[in-house]
All heavy atoms as atom14 arrays in JSON, in Angstrom:
{
  "sequence": "YPRVRFELMNLLVAKIFEHFGYEAFDNVAGGETAGIPFAALAA",
  "atom14_mask": [
    [1, 1, 1, 1, 1, 1, 1, 1, 1, 1, 1, 1, 0, 0],
    [1, 1, 1, 1, 1, 1, 1, 0, 0, 0, 0, 0, 0, 0],
    [1, 1, 1, 1, 1, 1, 1, 1, 1, 1, 1, 0, 0, 0],
    [1, 1, 1, 1, 1, 1, 1, 0, 0, 0, 0, 0, 0, 0],
    [1, 1, 1, 1, 1, 1, 1, 1, 1, 1, 1, 0, 0, 0],
    [1, 1, 1, 1, 1, 1, 1, 1, 1, 1, 1, 0, 0, 0],
    [1, 1, 1, 1, 1, 1, 1, 1, 1, 0, 0, 0, 0, 0],
    [1, 1, 1, 1, 1, 1, 1, 1, 0, 0, 0, 0, 0, 0],
    [1, 1, 1, 1, 1, 1, 1, 1, 0, 0, 0, 0, 0, 0],
    [1, 1, 1, 1, 1, 1, 1, 1, 0, 0, 0, 0, 0, 0],
    [1, 1, 1, 1, 1, 1, 1, 1, 0, 0, 0, 0, 0, 0],
    [1, 1, 1, 1, 1, 1, 1, 1, 0, 0, 0, 0, 0, 0],
    [1, 1, 1, 1, 1, 1, 1, 0, 0, 0, 0, 0, 0, 0],
    [1, 1, 1, 1, 1, 0, 0, 0, 0, 0, 0, 0, 0, 0],
    [1, 1, 1, 1, 1, 1, 1, 1, 1, 0, 0, 0, 0, 0],
    [1, 1, 1, 1, 1, 1, 1, 1, 0, 0, 0, 0, 0, 0],
    [1, 1, 1, 1, 1, 1, 1, 1, 1, 1, 1, 0, 0, 0],
    [1, 1, 1, 1, 1, 1, 1, 1, 1, 0, 0, 0, 0, 0],
    [1, 1, 1, 1, 1, 1, 1, 1, 1, 1, 0, 0, 0, 0],
    [1, 1, 1, 1, 1, 1, 1, 1, 1, 1, 1, 0, 0, 0],
    [1, 1, 1, 1, 0, 0, 0, 0, 0, 0, 0, 0, 0, 0],
    [1, 1, 1, 1, 1, 1, 1, 1, 1, 1, 1, 1, 0, 0],
    [1, 1, 1, 1, 1, 1, 1, 1, 1, 0, 0, 0, 0, 0],
    [1, 1, 1, 1, 1, 0, 0, 0, 0, 0, 0, 0, 0, 0],
    [1, 1, 1, 1, 1, 1, 1, 1, 1, 1, 1, 0, 0, 0],
    [1, 1, 1, 1, 1, 1, 1, 1, 0, 0, 0, 0, 0, 0],
    [1, 1, 1, 1, 1, 1, 1, 1, 0, 0, 0, 0, 0, 0],
    [1, 1, 1, 1, 1, 1, 1, 0, 0, 0, 0, 0, 0, 0],
    [1, 1, 1, 1, 1, 0, 0, 0, 0, 0, 0, 0, 0, 0],
    [1, 1, 1, 1, 0, 0, 0, 0, 0, 0, 0, 0, 0, 0],
    [1, 1, 1, 1, 0, 0, 0, 0, 0, 0, 0, 0, 0, 0],
    [1, 1, 1, 1, 1, 1, 1, 1, 1, 0, 0, 0, 0, 0],
    [1, 1, 1, 1, 1, 1, 1, 0, 0, 0, 0, 0, 0, 0],
    [1, 1, 1, 1, 1, 0, 0, 0, 0, 0, 0, 0, 0, 0],
    [1, 1, 1, 1, 0, 0, 0, 0, 0, 0, 0, 0, 0, 0],
    [1, 1, 1, 1, 1, 1, 1, 1, 0, 0, 0, 0, 0, 0],
    [1, 1, 1, 1, 1, 1, 1, 0, 0, 0, 0, 0, 0, 0],
    [1, 1, 1, 1, 1, 1, 1, 1, 1, 1, 1, 0, 0, 0],
    [1, 1, 1, 1, 1, 0, 0, 0, 0, 0, 0, 0, 0, 0],
    [1, 1, 1, 1, 1, 0, 0, 0, 0, 0, 0, 0, 0, 0],
    [1, 1, 1, 1, 1, 1, 1, 1, 0, 0, 0, 0, 0, 0],
    [1, 1, 1, 1, 1, 0, 0, 0, 0, 0, 0, 0, 0, 0],
    [1, 1, 1, 1, 1, 0, 0, 0, 0, 0, 0, 0, 0, 0]
  ],
  "atom14_positions": [
    [[0.85, -1.19, 0.0], [0.0, 0.0, 0.0], [0.89, 1.24, 0.0], [1.28, 1.74, 1.06], [-0.93, -0.01, 1.22], [-1.96, -1.11, 1.15], [-1.65, -2.4, 1.6], [-3.23, -0.88, 0.62], [-2.59, -3.42, 1.51], [-4.17, -1.9, 0.54], [-3.84, -3.16, 0.99], [-4.76, -4.17, 0.9], [0.0, 0.0, 0.0], [0.0, 0.0, 0.0]],
    [[1.23, 1.75, -1.19], [2.25, 2.81, -1.29], [1.95, 4.07, -0.48], [2.86, 4.62, 0.15], [2.29, 3.12, -2.79], [1.79, 1.88, -3.44], [0.78, 1.3, -2.51], [0.0, 0.0, 0.0], [0.0, 0.0, 0.0], [0.0, 0.0, 0.0], [0.0, 0.0, 0.0], [0.0, 0.0, 0.0], [0.0, 0.0, 0.0], [0.0, 0.0, 0.0]],
    [[0.71, 4.55, -0.5], [0.41, 5.81, 0.21], [0.5, 5.62, 1.72], [1.08, 6.46, 2.42], [-0.97, 6.33, -0.21], [-1.01, 6.91, -1.62], [-2.38, 7.42, -1.99], [-3.33, 6.34, -2.17], [-3.49, 5.66, -3.32], [-2.74, 5.97, -4.37], [-4.39, 4.7, -3.42], [0.0, 0.0, 0.0], [0.0, 0.0, 0.0], [0.0, 0.0, 0.0]],
    [[-0.06, 4.52, 2.21], [0.02, 4.24, 3.64], [1.48, 3.99, 4.04], [1.95, 4.51, 5.06], [-0.86, 3.02, 4.0], [-0.65, 2.6, 5.44], [-2.33, 3.34, 3.74], [0.0, 0.0, 0.0], [0.0, 0.0, 0.0], [0.0, 0.0, 0.0], [0.0, 0.0, 0.0], [0.0, 0.0, 0.0], [0.0, 0.0, 0.0], [0.0, 0.0, 0.0]],
    [[2.17, 3.22, 3.23], [3.58, 2.92, 3.5], [4.4, 4.2, 3.58], [5.24, 4.38, 4.48], [4.11, 2.02, 2.38], [5.55, 1.56, 2.52], [5.96, 0.79, 1.28], [6.08, 1.67, 0.12], [5.85, 1.28, -1.13], [5.46, 0.06, -1.41], [6.02, 2.14, -2.12], [0.0, 0.0, 0.0], [0.0, 0.0, 0.0], [0.0, 0.0, 0.0]],
    [[4.19, 5.11, 2.64], [4.94, 6.37, 2.59], [4.73, 7.19, 3.86], [5.69, 7.65, 4.49], [4.49, 7.16, 1.36], [5.19, 8.48, 1.2], [6.43, 8.56, 0.6], [4.59, 9.65, 1.65], [7.07, 9.78, 0.45], [5.22, 10.88, 1.51], [6.47, 10.95, 0.91], [0.0, 0.0, 0.0], [0.0, 0.0, 0.0], [0.0, 0.0, 0.0]],
    [[3.48, 7.37, 4.24], [3.18, 8.18, 5.42], [3.7, 7.53, 6.7], [4.22, 8.2, 7.59], [1.68, 8.44, 5.52], [1.12, 9.31, 4.41], [1.73, 10.71, 4.38], [2.2, 11.18, 5.43], [1.74, 11.33, 3.3], [0.0, 0.0, 0.0], [0.0, 0.0, 0.0], [0.0, 0.0, 0.0], [0.0, 0.0, 0.0], [0.0, 0.0, 0.0]],
    [[3.52, 6.22, 6.8], [3.95, 5.52, 8.01], [5.47, 5.58, 8.17], [5.98, 5.81, 9.27], [3.46, 4.08, 7.98], [3.69, 3.3, 9.28], [2.54, 2.35, 9.54], [4.99, 2.52, 9.22], [0.0, 0.0, 0.0], [0.0, 0.0, 0.0], [0.0, 0.0, 0.0], [0.0, 0.0, 0.0], [0.0, 0.0, 0.0], [0.0, 0.0, 0.0]],
    [[6.21, 5.39, 7.07], [7.67, 5.44, 7.18], [8.16, 6.84, 7.49], [9.16, 7.01, 8.19], [8.31, 4.91, 5.9], [8.11, 3.42, 5.68], [8.6, 2.39, 7.1], [10.33, 2.82, 7.28], [0.0, 0.0, 0.0], [0.0, 0.0, 0.0], [0.0, 0.0, 0.0], [0.0, 0.0, 0.0], [0.0, 0.0, 0.0], [0.0, 0.0, 0.0]],
    [[7.45, 7.85, 7.0], [7.8, 9.22, 7.38], [7.64, 9.41, 8.89], [8.47, 10.04, 9.55], [6.93, 10.23, 6.63], [7.36, 10.41, 5.19], [8.45, 10.01, 4.8], [6.49, 11.01, 4.4], [0.0, 0.0, 0.0], [0.0, 0.0, 0.0], [0.0, 0.0, 0.0], [0.0, 0.0, 0.0], [0.0, 0.0, 0.0], [0.0, 0.0, 0.0]],
    [[6.54, 8.88, 9.44], [6.32, 8.96, 10.88], [7.44, 8.24, 11.64], [7.96, 8.75, 12.64], [4.98, 8.34, 11.24], [3.72, 9.14, 10.99], [2.48, 8.28, 11.22], [3.67, 10.36, 11.9], [0.0, 0.0, 0.0], [0.0, 0.0, 0.0], [0.0, 0.0, 0.0], [0.0, 0.0, 0.0], [0.0, 0.0, 0.0], [0.0, 0.0, 0.0]],
    [[7.78, 7.04, 11.18], [8.79, 6.25, 11.89], [10.14, 6.97, 11.9], [10.79, 7.07, 12.95], [8.92, 4.87, 11.25], [9.9, 3.92, 11.96], [9.45, 3.63, 13.38], [10.07, 2.62, 11.17], [0.0, 0.0, 0.0], [0.0, 0.0, 0.0], [0.0, 0.0, 0.0], [0.0, 0.0, 0.0], [0.0, 0.0, 0.0], [0.0, 0.0, 0.0]],
    [[10.56, 7.46, 10.75], [11.87, 8.11, 10.68], [11.87, 9.41, 11.48], [12.86, 9.75, 12.15], [12.28, 8.34, 9.21], [13.52, 9.24, 9.12], [12.56, 7.0, 8.54], [0.0, 0.0, 0.0], [0.0, 0.0, 0.0], [0.0, 0.0, 0.0], [0.0, 0.0, 0.0], [0.0, 0.0, 0.0], [0.0, 0.0, 0.0], [0.0, 0.0, 0.0]],
    [[10.76, 10.15, 11.46], [10.69, 11.36, 12.28], [10.86, 11.03, 13.76], [11.56, 11.75, 14.49], [9.35, 12.06, 12.04], [0.0, 0.0, 0.0], [0.0, 0.0, 0.0], [0.0, 0.0, 0.0], [0.0, 0.0, 0.0], [0.0, 0.0, 0.0], [0.0, 0.0, 0.0], [0.0, 0.0, 0.0], [0.0, 0.0, 0.0], [0.0, 0.0, 0.0]],
    [[10.24, 9.94, 14.2], [10.38, 9.54, 15.6], [11.79, 9.03, 15.91], [12.3, 9.22, 17.01], [9.34, 8.48, 15.96], [7.91, 8.98, 15.95], [7.71, 10.24, 16.79], [8.02, 10.04, 18.26], [7.75, 11.29, 19.03], [0.0, 0.0, 0.0], [0.0, 0.0, 0.0], [0.0, 0.0, 0.0], [0.0, 0.0, 0.0], [0.0, 0.0, 0.0]],
    [[12.42, 8.37, 14.94], [13.81, 7.92, 15.14], [14.71, 9.13, 15.38], [15.52, 9.16, 16.31], [14.3, 7.11, 13.91], [13.6, 5.74, 13.87], [15.82, 6.93, 13.95], [13.81, 4.99, 12.57], [0.0, 0.0, 0.0], [0.0, 0.0, 0.0], [0.0, 0.0, 0.0], [0.0, 0.0, 0.0], [0.0, 0.0, 0.0], [0.0, 0.0, 0.0]],
    [[14.58, 10.16, 14.54], [15.39, 11.37, 14.71], [15.08, 12.06, 16.04], [15.99, 12.53, 16.73], [15.16, 12.33, 13.54], [15.78, 11.9, 12.25], [15.17, 12.17, 11.04], [17.01, 11.25, 12.23], [15.75, 11.8, 9.84], [17.61, 10.86, 11.03], [16.96, 11.14, 9.83], [0.0, 0.0, 0.0], [0.0, 0.0, 0.0], [0.0, 0.0, 0.0]],
    [[13.81, 12.13, 16.38], [13.42, 12.78, 17.64], [13.94, 12.03, 18.85], [14.42, 12.62, 19.82], [11.9, 12.87, 17.7], [11.35, 13.47, 18.99], [9.84, 13.41, 19.05], [9.19, 13.53, 18.0], [9.29, 13.22, 20.17], [0.0, 0.0, 0.0], [0.0, 0.0, 0.0], [0.0, 0.0, 0.0], [0.0, 0.0, 0.0], [0.0, 0.0, 0.0]],
    [[13.85, 10.7, 18.79], [14.19, 9.87, 19.95], [15.69, 9.68, 20.11], [16.23, 9.79, 21.21], [13.5, 8.51, 19.79], [13.65, 7.6, 20.97], [12.89, 7.73, 22.11], [14.47, 6.55, 21.19], [13.23, 6.79, 22.97], [14.19, 6.07, 22.44], [0.0, 0.0, 0.0], [0.0, 0.0, 0.0], [0.0, 0.0, 0.0], [0.0, 0.0, 0.0]],
    [[16.38, 9.37, 19.0], [17.8, 9.02, 19.07], [18.73, 10.17, 18.66], [19.88, 10.21, 19.07], [18.1, 7.81, 18.18], [17.45, 6.53, 18.63], [16.4, 5.98, 17.9], [17.88, 5.87, 19.77], [15.8, 4.79, 18.3], [17.29, 4.68, 20.18], [16.24, 4.14, 19.43], [0.0, 0.0, 0.0], [0.0, 0.0, 0.0], [0.0, 0.0, 0.0]],
    [[18.24, 11.06, 17.8], [19.09, 12.13, 17.27], [19.35, 11.94, 15.79], [19.17, 10.85, 15.25], [0.0, 0.0, 0.0], [0.0, 0.0, 0.0], [0.0, 0.0, 0.0], [0.0, 0.0, 0.0], [0.0, 0.0, 0.0], [0.0, 0.0, 0.0], [0.0, 0.0, 0.0], [0.0, 0.0, 0.0], [0.0, 0.0, 0.0], [0.0, 0.0, 0.0]],
    [[19.78, 13.01, 15.13], [19.97, 12.98, 13.69], [21.27, 12.29, 13.26], [21.37, 11.78, 12.15], [19.95, 14.4, 13.13], [18.56, 14.99, 13.06], [18.01, 15.64, 14.17], [17.79, 14.88, 11.92], [16.74, 16.17, 14.13], [16.5, 15.41, 11.86], [15.98, 16.05, 12.98], [14.71, 16.56, 12.94], [0.0, 0.0, 0.0], [0.0, 0.0, 0.0]],
    [[22.27, 12.28, 14.12], [23.56, 11.71, 13.76], [23.91, 10.54, 14.68], [25.07, 10.31, 15.0], [24.65, 12.79, 13.84], [24.44, 13.96, 12.9], [24.51, 13.57, 11.43], [25.13, 12.52, 11.12], [23.95, 14.3, 10.59], [0.0, 0.0, 0.0], [0.0, 0.0, 0.0], [0.0, 0.0, 0.0], [0.0, 0.0, 0.0], [0.0, 0.0, 0.0]],
    [[22.9, 9.79, 15.08], [23.12, 8.71, 16.06], [23.56, 7.4, 15.44], [24.07, 6.53, 16.15], [21.83, 8.49, 16.86], [0.0, 0.0, 0.0], [0.0, 0.0, 0.0], [0.0, 0.0, 0.0], [0.0, 0.0, 0.0], [0.0, 0.0, 0.0], [0.0, 0.0, 0.0], [0.0, 0.0, 0.0], [0.0, 0.0, 0.0], [0.0, 0.0, 0.0]],
    [[23.38, 7.25, 14.11], [23.63, 5.95, 13.49], [24.45, 6.08, 12.21], [24.45, 7.11, 11.54], [22.3, 5.25, 13.17], [21.46, 5.0, 14.39], [20.33, 5.77, 14.64], [21.81, 4.03, 15.31], [19.55, 5.56, 15.77], [21.05, 3.81, 16.45], [19.92, 4.58, 16.67], [0.0, 0.0, 0.0], [0.0, 0.0, 0.0], [0.0, 0.0, 0.0]],
    [[25.15, 4.97, 11.89], [25.95, 4.88, 10.67], [25.41, 3.83, 9.71], [25.88, 3.76, 8.56], [27.4, 4.49, 11.02], [27.99, 5.37, 12.1], [28.06, 6.6, 11.88], [28.36, 4.84, 13.17], [0.0, 0.0, 0.0], [0.0, 0.0, 0.0], [0.0, 0.0, 0.0], [0.0, 0.0, 0.0], [0.0, 0.0, 0.0], [0.0, 0.0, 0.0]],
    [[24.47, 3.02, 10.16], [24.0, 1.89, 9.36], [22.61, 1.52, 9.86], [22.32, 1.64, 11.06], [24.96, 0.7, 9.53], [24.74, -0.42, 8.54], [23.61, -0.81, 8.25], [25.83, -0.97, 8.02], [0.0, 0.0, 0.0], [0.0, 0.0, 0.0], [0.0, 0.0, 0.0], [0.0, 0.0, 0.0], [0.0, 0.0, 0.0], [0.0, 0.0, 0.0]],
    [[21.75, 1.08, 8.95], [20.42, 0.58, 9.31], [20.33, -0.88, 8.9], [20.59, -1.22, 7.74], [19.3, 1.39, 8.62], [17.94, 0.81, 8.96], [19.36, 2.85, 9.03], [0.0, 0.0, 0.0], [0.0, 0.0, 0.0], [0.0, 0.0, 0.0], [0.0, 0.0, 0.0], [0.0, 0.0, 0.0], [0.0, 0.0, 0.0], [0.0, 0.0, 0.0]],
    [[19.98, -1.74, 9.85], [19.9, -3.18, 9.57], [18.48, -3.67, 9.76], [17.79, -3.29, 10.7], [20.84, -3.95, 10.5], [0.0, 0.0, 0.0], [0.0, 0.0, 0.0], [0.0, 0.0, 0.0], [0.0, 0.0, 0.0], [0.0, 0.0, 0.0], [0.0, 0.0, 0.0], [0.0, 0.0, 0.0], [0.0, 0.0, 0.0], [0.0, 0.0, 0.0]],
    [[18.04, -4.53, 8.85], [16.74, -5.18, 8.97], [16.91, -6.63, 9.33], [17.9, -7.27, 8.96], [0.0, 0.0, 0.0], [0.0, 0.0, 0.0], [0.0, 0.0, 0.0], [0.0, 0.0, 0.0], [0.0, 0.0, 0.0], [0.0, 0.0, 0.0], [0.0, 0.0, 0.0], [0.0, 0.0, 0.0], [0.0, 0.0, 0.0], [0.0, 0.0, 0.0]],
    [[15.95, -7.17, 10.07], [15.98, -8.58, 10.42], [15.28, -9.41, 9.36], [14.22, -9.03, 8.86], [0.0, 0.0, 0.0], [0.0, 0.0, 0.0], [0.0, 0.0, 0.0], [0.0, 0.0, 0.0], [0.0, 0.0, 0.0], [0.0, 0.0, 0.0], [0.0, 0.0, 0.0], [0.0, 0.0, 0.0], [0.0, 0.0, 0.0], [0.0, 0.0, 0.0]],
    [[15.88, -10.56, 9.02], [15.26, -11.48, 8.06], [13.92, -11.99, 8.6], [13.85, -12.41, 9.75], [16.21, -12.66, 7.84], [15.73, -13.68, 6.86], [16.58, -14.95, 6.86], [17.37, -15.16, 7.8], [16.41, -15.76, 5.93], [0.0, 0.0, 0.0], [0.0, 0.0, 0.0], [0.0, 0.0, 0.0], [0.0, 0.0, 0.0], [0.0, 0.0, 0.0]],
    [[12.87, -12.01, 7.8], [12.75, -11.37, 6.5], [11.85, -10.12, 6.57], [11.97, -9.23, 5.75], [12.11, -12.33, 5.46], [10.85, -12.79, 5.98], [13.0, -13.51, 5.15], [0.0, 0.0, 0.0], [0.0, 0.0, 0.0], [0.0, 0.0, 0.0], [0.0, 0.0, 0.0], [0.0, 0.0, 0.0], [0.0, 0.0, 0.0], [0.0, 0.0, 0.0]],
    [[10.95, -10.11, 7.53], [9.94, -9.04, 7.56], [10.54, -7.66, 7.76], [9.97, -6.66, 7.32], [8.9, -9.33, 8.64], [0.0, 0.0, 0.0], [0.0, 0.0, 0.0], [0.0, 0.0, 0.0], [0.0, 0.0, 0.0], [0.0, 0.0, 0.0], [0.0, 0.0, 0.0], [0.0, 0.0, 0.0], [0.0, 0.0, 0.0], [0.0, 0.0, 0.0]],
    [[11.69, -7.58, 8.43], [12.28, -6.28, 8.7], [13.02, -5.67, 7.53], [13.31, -4.47, 7.53], [0.0, 0.0, 0.0], [0.0, 0.0, 0.0], [0.0, 0.0, 0.0], [0.0, 0.0, 0.0], [0.0, 0.0, 0.0], [0.0, 0.0, 0.0], [0.0, 0.0, 0.0], [0.0, 0.0, 0.0], [0.0, 0.0, 0.0], [0.0, 0.0, 0.0]],
    [[13.33, -6.47, 6.51], [14.18, -5.99, 5.42], [13.57, -4.81, 4.66], [14.24, -3.78, 4.48], [14.55, -7.14, 4.47], [15.45, -8.15, 5.21], [15.25, -6.63, 3.22], [15.75, -9.41, 4.43], [0.0, 0.0, 0.0], [0.0, 0.0, 0.0], [0.0, 0.0, 0.0], [0.0, 0.0, 0.0], [0.0, 0.0, 0.0], [0.0, 0.0, 0.0]],
    [[12.31, -4.88, 4.19], [11.79, -3.71, 3.47], [11.69, -2.46, 4.32], [11.94, -1.35, 3.82], [10.41, -4.17, 2.98], [10.05, -5.32, 3.86], [11.34, -5.98, 4.21], [0.0, 0.0, 0.0], [0.0, 0.0, 0.0], [0.0, 0.0, 0.0], [0.0, 0.0, 0.0], [0.0, 0.0, 0.0], [0.0, 0.0, 0.0], [0.0, 0.0, 0.0]],
    [[11.36, -2.6, 5.6], [11.24, -1.44, 6.47], [12.62, -0.81, 6.73], [12.75, 0.42, 6.79], [10.56, -1.82, 7.77], [9.15, -2.29, 7.56], [8.85, -3.64, 7.55], [8.12, -1.39, 7.34], [7.55, -4.08, 7.33], [6.82, -1.81, 7.12], [6.54, -3.17, 7.12], [0.0, 0.0, 0.0], [0.0, 0.0, 0.0], [0.0, 0.0, 0.0]],
    [[13.64, -1.66, 6.87], [15.0, -1.13, 7.04], [15.45, -0.4, 5.79], [16.08, 0.66, 5.87], [15.96, -2.26, 7.38], [0.0, 0.0, 0.0], [0.0, 0.0, 0.0], [0.0, 0.0, 0.0], [0.0, 0.0, 0.0], [0.0, 0.0, 0.0], [0.0, 0.0, 0.0], [0.0, 0.0, 0.0], [0.0, 0.0, 0.0], [0.0, 0.0, 0.0]],
    [[15.13, -0.95, 4.63], [15.52, -0.3, 3.37], [14.84, 1.06, 3.22], [15.48, 2.05, 2.83], [15.17, -1.21, 2.19], [0.0, 0.0, 0.0], [0.0, 0.0, 0.0], [0.0, 0.0, 0.0], [0.0, 0.0, 0.0], [0.0, 0.0, 0.0], [0.0, 0.0, 0.0], [0.0, 0.0, 0.0], [0.0, 0.0, 0.0], [0.0, 0.0, 0.0]],
    [[13.56, 1.12, 3.53], [12.81, 2.38, 3.42], [13.33, 3.41, 4.43], [13.46, 4.6, 4.1], [11.33, 2.12, 3.64], [10.63, 1.31, 2.54], [9.29, 0.78, 3.03], [10.45, 2.16, 1.29], [0.0, 0.0, 0.0], [0.0, 0.0, 0.0], [0.0, 0.0, 0.0], [0.0, 0.0, 0.0], [0.0, 0.0, 0.0], [0.0, 0.0, 0.0]],
    [[13.63, 2.96, 5.65], [14.15, 3.88, 6.66], [15.55, 4.37, 6.28], [15.86, 5.56, 6.4], [14.19, 3.2, 8.02], [0.0, 0.0, 0.0], [0.0, 0.0, 0.0], [0.0, 0.0, 0.0], [0.0, 0.0, 0.0], [0.0, 0.0, 0.0], [0.0, 0.0, 0.0], [0.0, 0.0, 0.0], [0.0, 0.0, 0.0], [0.0, 0.0, 0.0]],
    [[16.41, 3.46, 5.82], [17.77, 3.84, 5.44], [17.77, 4.87, 4.32], [18.56, 5.82, 4.33], [18.56, 2.6, 5.02], [0.0, 0.0, 0.0], [0.0, 0.0, 0.0], [0.0, 0.0, 0.0], [0.0, 0.0, 0.0], [0.0, 0.0, 0.0], [0.0, 0.0, 0.0], [0.0, 0.0, 0.0], [0.0, 0.0, 0.0], [0.0, 0.0, 0.0]]
  ]
}
């Protein structure tokens, strides 16, 4: 669901920056298998 996916990932990344900071990470990893697309979208 592209529109829902787009908005939800925007929310998730906004909360990641708010919670952890903008320069807190060097790499984004997804867990096999369900986490892989979400990690790719977040990265």
